[in-house]
Amino acid sequence: MPKQIETGRSITRKGRSITVAPSPFNKVKFELGVVLVLLPLIWLVVGRLIADSLVQFAVLFGLGSVAAVWLVLRTRATLRKLEAEQDSGAQQK
């Protein structure tokens, strides 16, 4: 039986929800999760709707490229916003 260390806090969690620490990138993380869920689903649907393999590849490549560019642009925008906030905070001091 493992030895317990007493810290005054309970080891078990009261709630079963998943929490994420506050971060300016949480929106980008959420969008990445949406992309990672939707693209495999689209892959399954495209396989049923389009018979030509080359067209399937073109559709999936196009959607994947759009998703990648979207995530890169959102990440860069978030970084620019953070840098602007840090610069304005440094100038106020």
Protein backbone atom coordinates (compact mmCIF):
# COMPACT_ATOMS: atom_id res chain seq x y z
CA MET A 1 0.00 0.00 0.00
CA PRO A 2 1.51 3.38 -0.98
CA LYS A 3 2.41 5.81 1.74
CA GLN A 4 0.24 8.94 1.83
CA ILE A 5 1.71 12.34 2.40
CA GLU A 6 -0.46 14.68 4.40
CA THR A 7 -0.68 18.14 2.91
CA GLY A 8 -3.97 19.30 4.35
CA ARG A 9 -5.68 19.10 0.97
CA SER A 10 -7.69 16.28 -0.46
CA ILE A 11 -6.13 14.36 -3.31
CA THR A 12 -9.48 13.68 -4.94
CA ARG A 13 -11.22 16.32 -6.98
CA LYS A 14 -14.70 17.46 -6.09
CA GLY A 15 -15.73 18.10 -9.69
CA ARG A 16 -15.23 15.93 -12.73
CA SER A 17 -14.87 18.78 -15.21
CA ILE A 18 -11.73 19.49 -17.18
CA THR A 19 -10.24 22.89 -16.51
CA VAL A 20 -7.64 24.75 -18.50
CA ALA A 21 -5.41 27.41 -17.04
CA PRO A 22 -6.12 30.88 -18.41
CA SER A 23 -4.06 31.50 -21.51
CA PRO A 24 -4.38 33.85 -24.46
CA PHE A 25 -3.98 30.79 -26.70
CA ASN A 26 -7.04 28.94 -25.34
CA LYS A 27 -9.16 30.08 -28.31
CA VAL A 28 -6.53 28.78 -30.73
CA LYS A 29 -6.34 25.50 -28.82
CA PHE A 30 -10.11 25.15 -29.06
CA GLU A 31 -10.03 25.81 -32.81
CA LEU A 32 -7.28 23.22 -33.21
CA GLY A 33 -9.47 20.73 -31.38
CA VAL A 34 -12.38 21.52 -33.70
CA VAL A 35 -10.14 21.00 -36.74
CA LEU A 36 -8.83 17.69 -35.34
CA VAL A 37 -12.40 16.45 -34.88
CA LEU A 38 -13.93 17.79 -38.10
CA LEU A 39 -11.27 16.82 -40.64
CA PRO A 40 -11.45 13.05 -39.96
CA LEU A 41 -15.24 13.27 -40.12
CA ILE A 42 -15.02 15.12 -43.42
CA TRP A 43 -12.58 12.46 -44.65
CA LEU A 44 -15.20 9.78 -43.96
CA VAL A 45 -17.96 11.77 -45.68
CA VAL A 46 -15.84 12.66 -48.72
CA GLY A 47 -15.01 8.99 -49.18
CA ARG A 48 -18.72 8.24 -49.53
CA LEU A 49 -19.73 11.26 -51.64
CA ILE A 50 -16.90 11.50 -54.15
CA ALA A 51 -15.83 8.47 -56.17
CA ASP A 52 -12.71 9.90 -57.83
CA SER A 53 -9.61 9.49 -55.65
CA LEU A 54 -7.89 12.54 -57.10
CA VAL A 55 -10.87 14.78 -56.32
CA GLN A 56 -11.05 13.33 -52.81
CA PHE A 57 -7.39 14.13 -52.30
CA ALA A 58 -7.86 17.65 -53.67
CA VAL A 59 -10.81 18.34 -51.37
CA LEU A 60 -9.04 17.00 -48.28
CA PHE A 61 -5.78 18.73 -49.13
CA GLY A 62 -7.63 22.00 -49.69
CA LEU A 63 -9.54 21.79 -46.43
CA GLY A 64 -6.43 20.79 -44.50
CA SER A 65 -4.49 23.67 -46.02
CA VAL A 66 -7.21 26.17 -45.20
CA ALA A 67 -7.35 24.88 -41.62
CA ALA A 68 -3.57 25.11 -41.27
CA VAL A 69 -3.42 28.64 -42.63
CA TRP A 70 -6.32 29.65 -40.39
CA LEU A 71 -4.56 28.32 -37.28
CA VAL A 72 -1.27 29.98 -38.22
CA LEU A 73 -2.97 33.33 -38.78
CA ARG A 74 -4.92 33.09 -35.50
CA THR A 75 -1.73 32.19 -33.61
CA ARG A 76 0.19 35.08 -35.15
CA ALA A 77 -2.65 37.49 -34.35
CA THR A 78 -2.66 36.32 -30.73
CA LEU A 79 1.11 36.78 -30.52
CA ARG A 80 0.89 40.28 -31.98
CA LYS A 81 -1.82 41.16 -29.47
CA LEU A 82 0.30 39.85 -26.58
CA GLU A 83 3.36 41.78 -27.77
CA ALA A 84 1.30 44.97 -28.10
CA GLU A 85 -0.07 44.52 -24.57
CA GLN A 86 3.45 43.92 -23.21
CA ASP A 87 4.81 46.96 -25.05
CA SER A 88 2.03 49.20 -23.74
CA GLY A 89 2.57 47.82 -20.24
CA ALA A 90 6.31 48.48 -20.43
CA GLN A 91 5.75 52.03 -21.67
CA GLN A 92 3.39 52.82 -18.79
CA LYS A 93 6.00 51.90 -16.17
